[in-house]
Amino acid sequence: MAAAMQREYLLERRQEMLGDTDKLWESLTLAQKFAASSLAQFGYKLNFIRDFHDTHVAVLSCNDNIATISKSGEINTDPKIKMRL
């Protein structure tokens, strides 16, 4: 029961974040903002940010392509992650 409630909370939180890219943008580091701006030229959009053990990874997508940006601004266009729809 607790696992189901936790899952619902996470899904609810994700949906709130999808429509609020301004708040997401404000959460990026300066290096991530520069990197995200360069990816935006190719059609990438900021989906979400994950803070896991102080990693602060930004996840962007363009069609079926996914890219991540590290806290220091390093872009990875072939991350080993899968996004759920």
Protein backbone atom coordinates (compact mmCIF):
# COMPACT_ATOMS: atom_id res chain seq x y z
CA MET A 1 0.00 0.00 0.00
CA ALA A 2 2.78 2.44 0.89
CA ALA A 3 4.57 1.68 -2.39
CA ALA A 4 1.41 2.49 -4.36
CA MET A 5 1.00 5.79 -2.53
CA GLN A 6 4.66 6.68 -3.16
CA ARG A 7 4.24 5.89 -6.87
CA GLU A 8 1.14 8.10 -7.09
CA TYR A 9 3.03 10.94 -5.40
CA LEU A 10 5.90 10.65 -7.88
CA LEU A 11 3.57 10.57 -10.88
CA GLU A 12 1.68 13.58 -9.55
CA ARG A 13 4.93 15.48 -8.97
CA ARG A 14 6.19 14.70 -12.46
CA GLN A 15 3.02 16.01 -14.09
CA GLU A 16 3.29 19.28 -12.17
CA MET A 17 6.87 19.79 -13.32
CA LEU A 18 6.15 19.13 -17.01
CA GLY A 19 4.16 22.33 -17.45
CA ASP A 20 6.46 24.55 -15.46
CA THR A 21 9.65 24.94 -17.50
CA ASP A 22 10.39 28.40 -16.06
CA LYS A 23 10.90 26.94 -12.59
CA LEU A 24 12.98 24.13 -14.08
CA TRP A 25 15.12 26.65 -15.94
CA GLU A 26 15.74 28.60 -12.73
CA SER A 27 16.95 25.39 -11.06
CA LEU A 28 19.72 24.83 -13.61
CA THR A 29 23.30 25.81 -12.89
CA LEU A 30 24.83 28.48 -15.12
CA ALA A 31 26.84 25.83 -16.98
CA GLN A 32 23.66 23.78 -17.53
CA LYS A 33 21.85 26.84 -18.87
CA PHE A 34 24.56 27.41 -21.49
CA ALA A 35 24.52 23.74 -22.49
CA ALA A 36 20.70 23.61 -22.59
CA SER A 37 20.64 26.74 -24.77
CA SER A 38 22.97 25.09 -27.28
CA LEU A 39 20.81 21.94 -27.35
CA ALA A 40 17.65 24.04 -27.76
CA GLN A 41 19.01 25.16 -31.14
CA PHE A 42 18.60 21.54 -32.25
CA GLY A 43 15.05 21.27 -30.89
CA TYR A 44 15.75 19.79 -27.44
CA LYS A 45 13.37 20.72 -24.63
CA LEU A 46 14.03 20.53 -20.90
CA ASN A 47 11.94 17.74 -19.38
CA PHE A 48 13.05 17.44 -15.77
CA ILE A 49 15.96 17.69 -13.34
CA ARG A 50 17.06 14.90 -11.04
CA ASP A 51 19.07 15.46 -7.88
CA PHE A 52 20.52 12.11 -6.93
CA HIS A 53 23.46 12.12 -4.52
CA ASP A 54 24.30 15.73 -5.49
CA THR A 55 24.48 14.98 -9.24
CA HIS A 56 21.83 17.52 -10.39
CA VAL A 57 21.30 16.09 -13.89
CA ALA A 58 19.08 17.90 -16.39
CA VAL A 59 17.24 15.66 -18.86
CA LEU A 60 16.18 16.99 -22.26
CA SER A 61 14.48 15.36 -25.22
CA CYS A 62 13.96 15.95 -28.92
CA ASN A 63 11.62 13.50 -30.63
CA ASP A 64 13.05 10.09 -29.66
CA ASN A 65 16.47 11.47 -28.68
CA ILE A 66 17.45 12.03 -25.06
CA ALA A 67 20.31 14.13 -23.73
CA THR A 68 21.53 14.80 -20.21
CA ILE A 69 23.52 17.71 -18.86
CA SER A 70 25.68 17.29 -15.78
CA LYS A 71 25.98 19.86 -13.02
CA SER A 72 29.17 21.15 -14.65
CA GLY A 73 27.49 21.52 -18.07
CA GLU A 74 28.77 18.37 -19.76
CA ILE A 75 26.34 17.16 -22.43
CA ASN A 76 25.72 13.45 -22.96
CA THR A 77 23.67 12.71 -26.08
CA ASP A 78 23.76 8.95 -25.49
CA PRO A 79 22.76 8.49 -21.84
CA LYS A 80 21.91 5.05 -20.56
CA ILE A 81 18.45 6.03 -19.34
CA LYS A 82 14.91 5.31 -20.46
CA MET A 83 12.10 7.79 -20.10
CA ARG A 84 8.60 6.70 -19.21
CA LEU A 85 5.72 8.42 -20.90
